[in-house]
N, C-alpha and C. Protein backbone atom coordinates (compact mmCIF):
# COMPACT_ATOMS: atom_id res chain seq x y z
N UNK A 1 255.05 0.87 219.19
CA UNK A 1 256.55 1.63 218.34
C UNK A 1 255.20 2.64 217.78
N UNK A 2 255.45 3.18 217.54
CA UNK A 2 254.84 4.93 216.83
C UNK A 2 255.01 4.60 215.03
N UNK A 3 254.27 5.27 214.34
CA UNK A 3 254.94 5.38 212.88
C UNK A 3 255.81 6.38 212.60
N UNK A 4 256.05 7.50 213.52
CA UNK A 4 256.88 8.37 213.21
C UNK A 4 257.88 8.40 212.96
N UNK A 5 258.35 7.13 212.68
CA UNK A 5 260.07 6.85 212.39
C UNK A 5 259.58 6.13 210.94
N UNK A 6 258.96 6.07 210.52
CA UNK A 6 258.67 5.68 208.69
C UNK A 6 258.50 6.85 208.13
N UNK A 7 259.29 6.35 207.01
CA UNK A 7 259.47 7.01 205.39
C UNK A 7 258.87 6.95 204.25
N UNK A 8 258.37 7.52 203.66
CA UNK A 8 257.80 6.81 201.86
C UNK A 8 258.07 8.06 201.38
N UNK A 9 258.77 8.13 200.54
CA UNK A 9 259.16 9.12 199.69
C UNK A 9 258.10 9.60 198.66
N UNK A 10 257.42 10.34 198.72
CA UNK A 10 255.84 10.91 197.96
C UNK A 10 256.82 11.36 196.28
N UNK A 11 257.16 10.62 195.73
CA UNK A 11 257.68 11.24 194.13
C UNK A 11 256.81 11.71 193.58
N UNK A 12 255.27 11.98 193.56
CA UNK A 12 254.56 12.57 192.80
C UNK A 12 254.26 13.96 193.18
N UNK A 13 254.66 13.97 194.53
CA UNK A 13 254.23 15.35 195.30
C UNK A 13 255.76 15.89 194.91
N UNK A 14 256.84 15.46 194.75
CA UNK A 14 258.16 15.91 194.49
C UNK A 14 258.29 16.27 192.88
N UNK A 15 257.71 15.71 192.05
CA UNK A 15 257.80 15.90 190.91
C UNK A 15 257.11 17.18 190.29
N UNK A 16 255.97 17.17 191.11
CA UNK A 16 255.16 18.52 190.65
C UNK A 16 255.43 19.38 191.53
N UNK A 17 256.22 19.35 192.71
CA UNK A 17 256.90 20.87 193.13
C UNK A 17 258.06 21.21 191.85
N UNK A 18 258.61 20.21 191.35
CA UNK A 18 259.73 20.57 191.30
C UNK A 18 259.38 21.34 189.31
N UNK A 19 258.16 20.49 188.61
CA UNK A 19 257.63 20.92 187.75
C UNK A 19 257.42 22.10 187.72
N UNK A 20 256.33 22.28 188.69
CA UNK A 20 255.25 23.62 188.69
C UNK A 20 256.88 24.81 189.13
N UNK A 21 257.25 24.70 189.94
CA UNK A 21 258.49 25.84 190.14
C UNK A 21 259.45 26.18 189.02
N UNK A 22 259.67 24.85 187.89
CA UNK A 22 260.23 24.88 186.66
C UNK A 22 259.61 25.83 185.62
N UNK A 23 258.11 25.51 185.66
CA UNK A 23 257.24 25.99 184.63
C UNK A 23 256.62 27.54 185.19
N UNK A 24 256.71 27.89 186.27
CA UNK A 24 256.38 29.53 186.27
C UNK A 24 257.54 30.09 186.37
N UNK A 25 258.92 30.07 186.23
CA UNK A 25 260.05 30.43 185.55
C UNK A 25 260.51 30.39 184.41
N UNK A 26 259.84 29.88 183.69
CA UNK A 26 260.08 29.89 182.11
C UNK A 26 259.29 30.77 181.50
N UNK A 27 259.54 31.59 180.38
CA UNK A 27 259.16 32.64 180.43
C UNK A 27 257.80 32.40 179.10
N UNK A 28 256.94 33.36 179.49
CA UNK A 28 255.51 33.54 178.47
C UNK A 28 256.09 34.17 177.55
N UNK A 29 255.20 33.35 176.39
CA UNK A 29 255.80 34.16 175.10
C UNK A 29 254.24 34.20 174.13
N UNK A 30 254.22 35.07 173.22
CA UNK A 30 252.87 35.49 172.35
C UNK A 30 252.58 34.13 171.98
N UNK A 31 251.11 33.69 172.31
CA UNK A 31 250.94 32.75 171.10
C UNK A 31 250.84 32.72 169.68
N UNK A 32 252.00 32.04 168.97
CA UNK A 32 252.12 31.94 167.62
C UNK A 32 252.13 30.67 166.84
N UNK A 33 251.93 30.85 165.50
CA UNK A 33 252.31 29.35 165.12
C UNK A 33 253.32 28.61 165.16
N UNK A 34 254.50 29.34 165.42
CA UNK A 34 255.60 29.07 165.16
C UNK A 34 256.54 29.36 167.04
N UNK A 35 256.04 29.28 167.96
CA UNK A 35 256.59 29.87 169.02
C UNK A 35 257.42 28.51 169.92
N UNK A 36 256.94 27.55 169.58
CA UNK A 36 257.67 26.24 170.47
C UNK A 36 258.49 25.75 169.67
N UNK A 37 258.98 24.52 170.01
CA UNK A 37 259.82 23.91 169.03
C UNK A 37 259.21 22.90 168.67
N UNK A 38 259.71 21.50 167.73
CA UNK A 38 259.18 20.78 167.22
C UNK A 38 259.83 19.37 168.43
N UNK A 39 259.29 19.55 169.60
CA UNK A 39 259.93 18.13 170.89
C UNK A 39 258.39 18.12 171.35
N UNK A 40 258.44 17.03 172.23
CA UNK A 40 257.40 16.91 173.12
C UNK A 40 257.52 17.80 174.76
N UNK A 41 256.40 17.75 174.97
CA UNK A 41 256.25 18.36 176.29
C UNK A 41 254.99 19.00 176.78
N UNK A 42 254.94 20.02 177.93
CA UNK A 42 253.98 20.28 178.45
C UNK A 42 253.81 21.86 177.87
N UNK A 43 252.50 22.30 178.23
CA UNK A 43 252.03 23.50 177.95
C UNK A 43 250.83 24.14 178.70
N UNK A 44 250.89 25.79 178.62
CA UNK A 44 250.17 26.17 179.17
C UNK A 44 249.47 27.25 178.38
N UNK A 45 248.36 27.78 178.40
CA UNK A 45 247.59 28.69 177.60
C UNK A 45 246.94 30.06 178.80
N UNK A 46 247.21 31.45 178.52
CA UNK A 46 246.98 32.19 179.07
C UNK A 46 246.20 33.23 178.45
N UNK A 47 244.86 33.58 178.72
CA UNK A 47 244.35 34.68 178.32
C UNK A 47 244.13 36.12 179.31
N UNK A 48 244.68 37.06 178.72
CA UNK A 48 244.95 38.15 179.30
C UNK A 48 245.56 37.59 180.91
N UNK A 49 246.65 36.88 180.74
CA UNK A 49 247.22 36.71 182.15
C UNK A 49 246.50 35.53 182.84
N UNK A 50 245.67 35.10 182.69
CA UNK A 50 244.85 33.90 183.43
C UNK A 50 245.27 32.78 183.06
N UNK A 51 246.13 31.78 183.69
CA UNK A 51 245.99 30.29 183.21
C UNK A 51 244.73 29.61 182.41
N UNK A 52 244.32 29.42 181.26
CA UNK A 52 242.74 28.81 180.82
C UNK A 52 243.05 27.56 180.17
N UNK A 53 244.31 27.17 180.17
CA UNK A 53 244.39 25.35 179.25
C UNK A 53 245.72 25.11 179.50
N UNK A 54 245.76 23.94 180.16
CA UNK A 54 247.06 22.98 180.23
C UNK A 54 246.53 21.71 179.40
N UNK A 55 247.84 21.65 178.56
CA UNK A 55 247.92 20.29 177.87
C UNK A 55 249.39 19.68 177.37
N UNK A 56 249.47 18.89 176.66
CA UNK A 56 250.64 18.01 176.61
C UNK A 56 250.56 17.80 174.96
N UNK A 57 251.81 17.77 174.69
CA UNK A 57 252.09 17.34 173.31
C UNK A 57 252.98 16.06 173.14
N UNK A 58 252.04 14.91 173.32
CA UNK A 58 253.04 13.54 173.34
C UNK A 58 252.89 12.80 172.37
N UNK A 59 251.95 12.76 171.52
CA UNK A 59 252.16 11.74 170.00
C UNK A 59 252.05 12.97 168.58
N UNK A 60 252.56 14.12 169.29
CA UNK A 60 252.74 15.48 168.04
C UNK A 60 254.03 15.93 168.97
N UNK A 61 254.02 17.24 168.00
CA UNK A 61 255.26 18.07 168.86
C UNK A 61 254.47 19.38 169.49
N UNK A 62 255.10 20.33 170.60
CA UNK A 62 254.74 21.71 171.22
C UNK A 62 254.80 22.49 170.12
N UNK A 63 255.53 22.26 168.76
CA UNK A 63 255.30 23.27 167.95
C UNK A 63 253.81 23.04 167.20
N UNK A 64 253.83 21.86 166.72
CA UNK A 64 252.16 21.62 166.03
C UNK A 64 251.05 21.84 167.05
N UNK A 65 251.28 21.27 167.90
CA UNK A 65 249.82 21.58 168.94
C UNK A 65 249.78 23.53 169.33
N UNK A 66 250.96 23.70 169.40
CA UNK A 66 250.11 24.95 169.80
C UNK A 66 250.04 26.04 168.29
N UNK A 67 250.32 25.12 167.66
CA UNK A 67 250.26 26.37 166.13
C UNK A 67 248.49 25.97 165.57
N UNK A 68 248.20 24.57 166.23
CA UNK A 68 246.45 24.50 166.01
C UNK A 68 245.80 24.83 166.95
N UNK A 69 246.33 25.62 168.56
CA UNK A 69 245.55 26.53 169.09
C UNK A 69 245.60 27.83 168.66
N UNK A 70 246.92 28.29 167.88
CA UNK A 70 246.66 29.46 167.49
C UNK A 70 245.45 29.66 166.19
N UNK A 71 245.58 28.53 165.67
CA UNK A 71 244.62 28.62 164.37
C UNK A 71 243.18 28.54 165.02
N UNK A 72 243.20 27.57 165.92
CA UNK A 72 242.07 27.78 166.17
C UNK A 72 241.41 28.84 166.84
N UNK A 73 241.98 29.66 167.97
CA UNK A 73 241.58 30.80 168.32
C UNK A 73 241.04 31.97 167.42
N UNK A 74 242.55 32.23 166.40
CA UNK A 74 242.04 33.16 165.47
C UNK A 74 240.89 33.01 164.46
N UNK A 75 240.58 31.66 164.38
CA UNK A 75 239.52 31.32 163.51
C UNK A 75 237.79 31.44 164.24
N UNK A 76 237.97 32.13 165.59
CA UNK A 76 236.82 32.08 166.43
C UNK A 76 235.90 33.76 166.71
N UNK A 77 235.01 33.88 167.35
CA UNK A 77 234.74 35.39 167.23
C UNK A 77 234.74 35.34 169.09
N UNK A 78 234.89 36.52 169.75
CA UNK A 78 234.72 37.05 170.83
C UNK A 78 236.09 36.65 172.03
N UNK A 79 237.05 36.54 170.76
CA UNK A 79 238.14 36.27 171.37
C UNK A 79 239.39 36.27 170.11
N UNK A 80 240.26 37.15 170.87
CA UNK A 80 241.42 37.65 169.80
C UNK A 80 242.96 36.99 170.06
N UNK A 81 243.41 36.25 169.15
CA UNK A 81 244.79 35.44 169.17
C UNK A 81 245.93 36.55 170.24
N UNK A 82 245.97 37.92 169.88
CA UNK A 82 246.69 39.22 170.70
C UNK A 82 246.38 38.96 172.15
N UNK A 83 245.03 38.42 172.67
CA UNK A 83 244.95 38.16 174.25
C UNK A 83 245.58 37.11 174.79
N UNK A 84 246.33 36.23 173.84
CA UNK A 84 246.86 34.90 174.03
C UNK A 84 248.35 34.62 174.26
N UNK A 85 249.05 34.57 175.08
CA UNK A 85 249.96 34.02 175.63
C UNK A 85 250.43 32.38 176.15
N UNK A 86 251.47 31.89 176.33
CA UNK A 86 251.71 30.44 176.57
C UNK A 86 252.99 30.15 177.03
N UNK A 87 253.18 29.08 177.69
CA UNK A 87 254.28 28.79 178.27
C UNK A 87 254.53 27.25 177.96
N UNK A 88 255.81 26.35 177.89
CA UNK A 88 256.02 25.17 177.82
C UNK A 88 257.55 25.17 178.23
N UNK A 89 257.09 23.61 178.33
CA UNK A 89 258.40 22.84 178.96
C UNK A 89 258.46 22.07 177.98
N UNK A 90 259.82 21.47 177.51
CA UNK A 90 260.19 20.59 176.89
C UNK A 90 260.46 19.15 177.55
N UNK A 91 259.91 18.18 177.83
CA UNK A 91 260.42 17.16 178.35
C UNK A 91 260.60 15.86 177.66
N UNK A 92 261.50 14.99 177.67
CA UNK A 92 261.83 13.80 176.92
C UNK A 92 260.78 12.49 177.16
N UNK A 93 260.61 12.05 178.49
CA UNK A 93 259.98 10.61 178.79
C UNK A 93 258.46 11.10 178.53
N UNK A 94 257.58 9.86 178.08
CA UNK A 94 256.59 10.18 177.72
C UNK A 94 255.77 10.03 179.22
N UNK A 95 256.42 9.13 180.07
CA UNK A 95 255.75 9.08 181.39
C UNK A 95 255.86 10.46 181.97
N UNK A 96 256.63 11.34 181.93
CA UNK A 96 256.99 12.63 182.35
C UNK A 96 256.02 13.94 181.80
N UNK A 97 255.58 13.55 180.62
CA UNK A 97 254.63 14.09 179.80
C UNK A 97 253.96 14.14 180.23
N UNK A 98 253.28 13.04 180.51
CA UNK A 98 252.18 12.64 181.38
C UNK A 98 251.32 13.39 182.61
N UNK A 99 252.67 13.12 183.54
CA UNK A 99 252.61 13.44 184.74
C UNK A 99 252.58 14.64 184.63
N UNK A 100 253.10 15.04 183.58
CA UNK A 100 253.74 16.83 183.97
C UNK A 100 251.96 17.40 183.38
N UNK A 101 251.28 16.75 182.42
CA UNK A 101 250.17 17.34 182.18
C UNK A 101 249.33 17.44 183.36
N UNK A 102 249.28 16.06 183.95
CA UNK A 102 248.36 16.01 185.55
C UNK A 102 248.59 17.08 186.53
N UNK A 103 250.24 17.41 186.64
CA UNK A 103 250.13 18.08 187.52
C UNK A 103 249.48 19.58 187.42
N UNK A 104 249.65 19.90 186.02
CA UNK A 104 249.15 21.34 185.37
C UNK A 104 247.93 21.32 185.59
N UNK A 105 247.03 20.43 185.49
CA UNK A 105 245.63 20.43 185.91
C UNK A 105 244.95 20.35 186.84
N UNK A 106 245.91 19.55 188.03
CA UNK A 106 245.50 19.53 189.49
C UNK A 106 245.93 20.87 190.08
N UNK A 107 246.89 21.44 189.85
CA UNK A 107 247.44 22.99 190.30
C UNK A 107 246.83 23.82 190.10
N UNK A 108 246.58 24.54 188.84
CA UNK A 108 245.67 25.22 188.06
C UNK A 108 244.14 24.99 188.13
N UNK A 109 243.55 23.59 187.79
CA UNK A 109 242.26 23.83 187.43
C UNK A 109 241.90 24.94 186.07
N UNK A 110 242.52 24.73 184.98
CA UNK A 110 242.19 25.69 184.01
C UNK A 110 240.76 25.41 183.45
N UNK A 111 240.23 26.76 183.34
CA UNK A 111 238.82 26.82 182.74
C UNK A 111 238.46 25.99 181.70
N UNK A 112 239.01 26.06 180.77
CA UNK A 112 239.00 25.85 179.58
C UNK A 112 239.43 23.98 179.26
N UNK A 113 240.00 23.19 180.43
CA UNK A 113 240.03 22.05 180.04
C UNK A 113 238.95 21.33 180.20
N UNK A 114 238.27 20.68 179.78
CA UNK A 114 236.93 19.97 180.05
C UNK A 114 235.75 21.27 179.63
N UNK A 115 236.10 21.85 178.59
CA UNK A 115 235.17 22.49 178.24
C UNK A 115 234.93 22.37 176.59
N UNK A 116 236.18 21.50 175.96
CA UNK A 116 235.74 21.06 174.58
C UNK A 116 236.76 21.90 173.52
N UNK A 117 237.82 22.43 174.32
CA UNK A 117 238.79 23.35 173.68
C UNK A 117 239.96 22.57 172.93
N UNK A 118 240.26 21.78 173.77
CA UNK A 118 241.52 20.94 172.97
C UNK A 118 241.48 19.77 172.08
N UNK A 119 239.79 19.37 172.18
CA UNK A 119 239.55 17.81 171.24
C UNK A 119 239.54 18.08 170.30
N UNK A 120 239.41 16.72 169.94
CA UNK A 120 239.76 16.82 168.29
C UNK A 120 238.31 15.72 167.99
N UNK A 121 237.01 16.02 167.91
CA UNK A 121 235.94 15.58 168.30
C UNK A 121 235.63 14.67 166.47
N UNK A 122 235.27 13.65 166.62
CA UNK A 122 235.50 13.25 165.24
C UNK A 122 233.96 13.56 164.98
N UNK A 123 233.50 13.90 164.02
CA UNK A 123 231.86 14.14 163.47
C UNK A 123 231.46 15.81 163.72
N UNK A 124 232.51 16.53 164.52
CA UNK A 124 232.09 17.92 164.96
C UNK A 124 231.35 18.62 163.79
N UNK A 125 230.34 19.02 164.08
CA UNK A 125 229.15 19.96 163.31
C UNK A 125 227.94 18.76 162.46
N UNK A 126 228.44 17.88 162.78
CA UNK A 126 227.26 16.86 162.39
C UNK A 126 226.01 17.02 163.05
N UNK A 127 224.97 16.69 162.26
CA UNK A 127 223.58 16.62 163.36
C UNK A 127 223.62 15.50 164.27
N UNK A 128 223.25 15.84 165.48
CA UNK A 128 223.33 14.90 166.00
C UNK A 128 224.40 14.95 167.40
N UNK A 129 225.53 15.80 167.08
CA UNK A 129 227.06 15.75 167.87
C UNK A 129 226.61 17.02 168.65
N UNK A 130 226.27 17.40 169.94
CA UNK A 130 226.36 18.25 170.20
C UNK A 130 227.68 19.46 170.32
N UNK A 131 227.27 20.73 170.50
CA UNK A 131 228.50 21.43 170.56
C UNK A 131 228.65 21.63 171.91
N UNK A 132 230.08 21.89 172.00
CA UNK A 132 231.15 22.01 173.18
C UNK A 132 230.82 23.25 173.96
N UNK A 133 230.76 23.56 175.11
CA UNK A 133 230.55 24.67 176.13
C UNK A 133 232.01 25.71 175.43
N UNK A 134 233.02 25.38 174.77
CA UNK A 134 233.53 26.30 174.40
C UNK A 134 233.43 26.55 172.72
N UNK A 135 232.68 26.04 171.99
CA UNK A 135 232.46 26.47 170.66
C UNK A 135 231.13 27.32 170.78
N UNK A 136 230.41 26.89 172.01
CA UNK A 136 229.33 28.08 172.25
C UNK A 136 229.31 29.06 172.75
N UNK A 137 230.81 29.46 173.86
CA UNK A 137 231.18 30.64 174.01
C UNK A 137 231.86 31.51 172.97
N UNK A 138 232.75 30.85 172.08
CA UNK A 138 233.78 31.37 170.83
C UNK A 138 233.19 30.54 169.50
N UNK A 139 232.22 30.83 169.05
CA UNK A 139 231.59 30.65 167.86
C UNK A 139 232.62 30.60 166.75
N UNK A 140 232.73 29.72 165.78
CA UNK A 140 233.36 29.77 164.37
C UNK A 140 233.09 30.98 163.76
N UNK A 141 234.27 31.86 162.91
CA UNK A 141 233.92 33.51 162.27
C UNK A 141 233.51 32.41 160.94
N UNK A 142 232.30 32.87 160.68
CA UNK A 142 231.58 32.80 159.33
C UNK A 142 232.46 32.71 158.25
């Protein structure tokens, strides 16, 4: 018997498809400290209309995480906060937040992910700690 009679529901593909569809239909906002609600979810940052970073707010809130990013960008050279916009989706379930962030990263492969942009590195700035690619490209203002 051939195997064309078998059905296997690919939950991850269905979730990713629906999430990306909903995400792309959500409005884009200027990145500010108070742009998002105090709930958990996923988000993406855009620089000049190009998606550059995707993340999640799970142990914190979208409001707090996007405010952190806004402050970080505002304190850097070679970039202006006015260049930045964001999108976000509120998601209640921890599992779906993690899966949502994964879907965004896999779908868009943002250039700032894995650059050091979103990390909270203990010891940053101490001797022996390497500067991230993001810190080199956008050094802190003096």
